C-alpha atoms as a PDB file:
ATOM      1  CA  MET A   1     281.630 155.297  84.897  1.00  0.00           C
ATOM      2  CA  ILE A   2     283.427 158.498  84.109  1.00  0.00           C
ATOM      3  CA  TYR A   3     282.483 160.590  81.036  1.00  0.00           C
ATOM      4  CA  PHE A   4     284.645 163.361  79.543  1.00  0.00           C
ATOM      5  CA  SER A   5     284.988 165.174  76.217  1.00  0.00           C
ATOM      6  CA  LEU A   6     287.839 166.431  73.979  1.00  0.00           C
ATOM      7  CA  SER A   7     286.059 169.087  71.938  1.00  0.00           C
ATOM      8  CA  THR A   8     288.854 169.382  69.450  1.00  0.00           C
ATOM      9  CA  MET A   9     288.597 165.758  68.778  1.00  0.00           C
ATOM     10  CA  PHE A  10     284.844 165.668  68.284  1.00  0.00           C
ATOM     11  CA  VAL A  11     284.447 162.754  70.688  1.00  0.00           C
ATOM     12  CA  VAL A  12     283.200 161.733  74.071  1.00  0.00           C
ATOM     13  CA  TYR A  13     284.938 159.250  76.234  1.00  0.00           C
ATOM     14  CA  ARG A  14     283.527 156.727  78.760  1.00  0.00           C
ATOM     15  CA  TYR A  15     285.938 155.211  81.318  1.00  0.00           C
ATOM     16  CA  ALA A  16     284.511 152.110  83.004  1.00  0.00           C
ATOM     17  CA  PRO A  17     285.654 150.940  86.493  1.00  0.00           C
ATOM     18  CA  ASP A  18     287.202 147.847  84.881  1.00  0.00           C
ATOM     19  CA  GLY A  19     289.581 150.284  83.024  1.00  0.00           C
ATOM     20  CA  LYS A  20     287.901 149.954  79.664  1.00  0.00           C
ATOM     21  CA  LEU A  21     288.017 153.265  77.684  1.00  0.00           C
ATOM     22  CA  GLU A  22     285.496 153.740  74.976  1.00  0.00           C
ATOM     23  CA  ALA A  23     285.170 156.636  72.566  1.00  0.00           C
ATOM     24  CA  PHE A  24     281.904 157.570  70.689  1.00  0.00           C
ATOM     25  CA  GLY A  25     280.833 160.270  68.414  1.00  0.00           C
ATOM     26  CA  VAL A  26     281.659 161.356  64.935  1.00  0.00           C
ATOM     27  CA  PRO A  27     282.197 164.857  63.573  1.00  0.00           C
ATOM     28  CA  GLY A  28     279.430 166.252  61.332  1.00  0.00           C
ATOM     29  CA  SER A  29     276.316 168.624  61.176  1.00  0.00           C
ATOM     30  CA  ALA A  30     273.718 165.919  60.895  1.00  0.00           C
ATOM     31  CA  PRO A  31     271.555 164.814  63.799  1.00  0.00           C
ATOM     32  CA  GLY A  32     273.612 162.563  66.158  1.00  0.00           C
ATOM     33  CA  LYS A  33     276.973 164.003  65.097  1.00  0.00           C
ATOM     34  CA  PHE A  34     279.269 166.281  67.067  1.00  0.00           C
ATOM     35  CA  GLY A  35     280.401 169.785  66.164  1.00  0.00           C
ATOM     36  CA  VAL A  36     282.215 171.241  69.138  1.00  0.00           C
ATOM     37  CA  VAL A  37     281.541 169.053  72.180  1.00  0.00           C
ATOM     38  CA  ALA A  38     281.484 171.167  75.461  1.00  0.00           C
ATOM     39  CA  SER A  39     280.083 169.151  78.257  1.00  0.00           C
ATOM     40  CA  VAL A  40     278.667 165.678  79.184  1.00  0.00           C
ATOM     41  CA  ALA A  41     276.143 164.641  81.838  1.00  0.00           C
ATOM     42  CA  VAL A  42     274.511 161.257  82.582  1.00  0.00           C
ATOM     43  CA  ASP A  43     270.996 160.711  84.238  1.00  0.00           C
ATOM     44  CA  GLY A  44     269.982 158.030  86.594  1.00  0.00           C
ATOM     45  CA  ASP A  45     268.878 155.765  83.834  1.00  0.00           C
ATOM     46  CA  GLY A  46     272.256 155.918  82.030  1.00  0.00           C
ATOM     47  CA  ASN A  47     271.232 158.261  79.336  1.00  0.00           C
ATOM     48  CA  ILE A  48     274.027 160.433  78.200  1.00  0.00           C
ATOM     49  CA  PHE A  49     273.566 164.144  77.239  1.00  0.00           C
ATOM     50  CA  VAL A  50     276.197 165.992  75.330  1.00  0.00           C
ATOM     51  CA  SER A  51     276.161 169.796  74.767  1.00  0.00           C
ATOM     52  CA  ASP A  52     277.533 170.932  71.292  1.00  0.00           C
ATOM     53  CA  ARG A  53     278.524 174.514  71.070  1.00  0.00           C
ATOM     54  CA  LEU A  54     278.887 174.646  67.283  1.00  0.00           C
ATOM     55  CA  ARG A  55     275.637 172.950  66.374  1.00  0.00           C
ATOM     56  CA  ASN A  56     273.671 174.713  69.387  1.00  0.00           C
ATOM     57  CA  VAL A  57     272.168 171.445  70.520  1.00  0.00           C
ATOM     58  CA  VAL A  58     272.084 168.934  73.349  1.00  0.00           C
ATOM     59  CA  LEU A  59     272.310 165.372  72.090  1.00  0.00           C
ATOM     60  CA  MET A  60     270.954 162.424  73.932  1.00  0.00           C
ATOM     61  CA  PHE A  61     272.384 158.894  73.799  1.00  0.00           C
ATOM     62  CA  ASP A  62     271.229 155.684  75.601  1.00  0.00           C
ATOM     63  CA  ARG A  63     273.594 153.751  77.896  1.00  0.00           C
ATOM     64  CA  ASP A  64     274.592 151.637  74.884  1.00  0.00           C
ATOM     65  CA  LEU A  65     275.746 154.823  73.067  1.00  0.00           C
ATOM     66  CA  ASN A  66     272.935 154.715  70.643  1.00  0.00           C
ATOM     67  CA  PHE A  67     271.720 158.170  69.498  1.00  0.00           C
ATOM     68  CA  ILE A  68     268.175 158.925  70.737  1.00  0.00           C
ATOM     69  CA  ASP A  69     267.405 162.528  70.093  1.00  0.00           C
ATOM     70  CA  GLU A  70     268.725 166.103  70.101  1.00  0.00           C
ATOM     71  CA  PHE A  71     267.189 169.401  70.923  1.00  0.00           C
ATOM     72  CA  GLY A  72     267.862 173.093  71.262  1.00  0.00           C
ATOM     73  CA  TYR A  73     268.943 174.608  67.898  1.00  0.00           C
ATOM     74  CA  ARG A  74     270.061 178.161  67.659  1.00  0.00           C
ATOM     75  CA  GLY A  75     267.455 180.802  68.106  1.00  0.00           C
ATOM     76  CA  ASP A  76     265.667 183.228  70.394  1.00  0.00           C
ATOM     77  CA  SER A  77     262.466 181.122  70.790  1.00  0.00           C
ATOM     78  CA  LYS A  78     261.615 179.084  73.905  1.00  0.00           C
ATOM     79  CA  GLY A  79     263.581 175.858  73.854  1.00  0.00           C
ATOM     80  CA  ASN A  80     266.372 177.223  71.512  1.00  0.00           C
ATOM     81  CA  LEU A  81     269.973 177.463  72.728  1.00  0.00           C
ATOM     82  CA  VAL A  82     272.802 179.807  71.959  1.00  0.00           C
ATOM     83  CA  ILE A  83     276.186 178.221  72.340  1.00  0.00           C
ATOM     84  CA  PRO A  84     275.308 175.632  75.097  1.00  0.00           C
ATOM     85  CA  ASP A  85     278.164 175.002  77.326  1.00  0.00           C
ATOM     86  CA  ASP A  86     278.070 173.395  80.758  1.00  0.00           C
ATOM     87  CA  ILE A  87     275.194 170.997  81.440  1.00  0.00           C
ATOM     88  CA  ALA A  88     273.990 169.418  84.739  1.00  0.00           C
ATOM     89  CA  ILE A  89     271.259 166.986  85.727  1.00  0.00           C
ATOM     90  CA  ASP A  90     268.825 167.143  88.806  1.00  0.00           C
ATOM     91  CA  PRO A  91     267.844 163.453  88.861  1.00  0.00           C
ATOM     92  CA  HIS A  92     265.186 164.019  91.466  1.00  0.00           C
ATOM     93  CA  GLN A  93     263.304 166.724  89.597  1.00  0.00           C
ATOM     94  CA  HIS A  94     264.063 165.054  86.116  1.00  0.00           C
ATOM     95  CA  ARG A  95     265.582 168.402  84.869  1.00  0.00           C
ATOM     96  CA  LEU A  96     268.635 169.205  82.682  1.00  0.00           C
ATOM     97  CA  TYR A  97     270.297 172.604  83.163  1.00  0.00           C
ATOM     98  CA  VAL A  98     272.020 174.154  80.183  1.00  0.00           C
ATOM     99  CA  ALA A  99     274.387 177.188  80.610  1.00  0.00           C
ATOM    100  CA  GLN A 100     274.613 179.332  77.495  1.00  0.00           C
ATOM    101  CA  ALA A 101     276.782 182.068  76.095  1.00  0.00           C
ATOM    102  CA  ALA A 102     275.656 185.505  74.799  1.00  0.00           C
ATOM    103  CA  LYS A 103     274.047 186.461  78.196  1.00  0.00           C
ATOM    104  CA  ARG A 104     271.384 183.788  77.660  1.00  0.00           C
ATOM    105  CA  GLY A 105     271.745 182.496  81.097  1.00  0.00           C
ATOM    106  CA  VAL A 106     270.628 178.940  81.987  1.00  0.00           C
ATOM    107  CA  SER A 107     267.832 177.064  80.223  1.00  0.00           C
ATOM    108  CA  VAL A 108     265.972 174.157  82.004  1.00  0.00           C
ATOM    109  CA  PHE A 109     264.592 171.084  80.157  1.00  0.00           C
ATOM    110  CA  THR A 110     262.432 168.439  81.672  1.00  0.00           C
ATOM    111  CA  ILE A 111     263.859 164.960  80.748  1.00  0.00           C
ATOM    112  CA  LYS A 112     261.882 161.827  80.725  1.00  0.00           C
ATOM    113  CA  ALA A 113     262.069 159.439  83.579  1.00  0.00           C
ATOM    114  CA  ASN A 114     261.919 155.679  82.672  1.00  0.00           C
END
């Protein structure tokens, strides 16, 4: 599978090996909705992580594109994010790395292994 985003369209796409292209996500400010999508990463279990620059969160969806949870939120406290941008997953350590703007560097989150 290949995942990619079009931030101006508030959507993430999934392209399957059989040629099927699926879009998911709807614009909004409520949990599970997209503001400005920046990056997409997928863990070994098929969970999809999407960074949202406008809402300052990382959203998590299961392999069937069902919303699971989101975390981050704008702020200076531990676990908060400021304009999350690129994300990457280390599947061996079960960690999600989130690059941020405003000289915040990279935050590291532990993700659950199934």
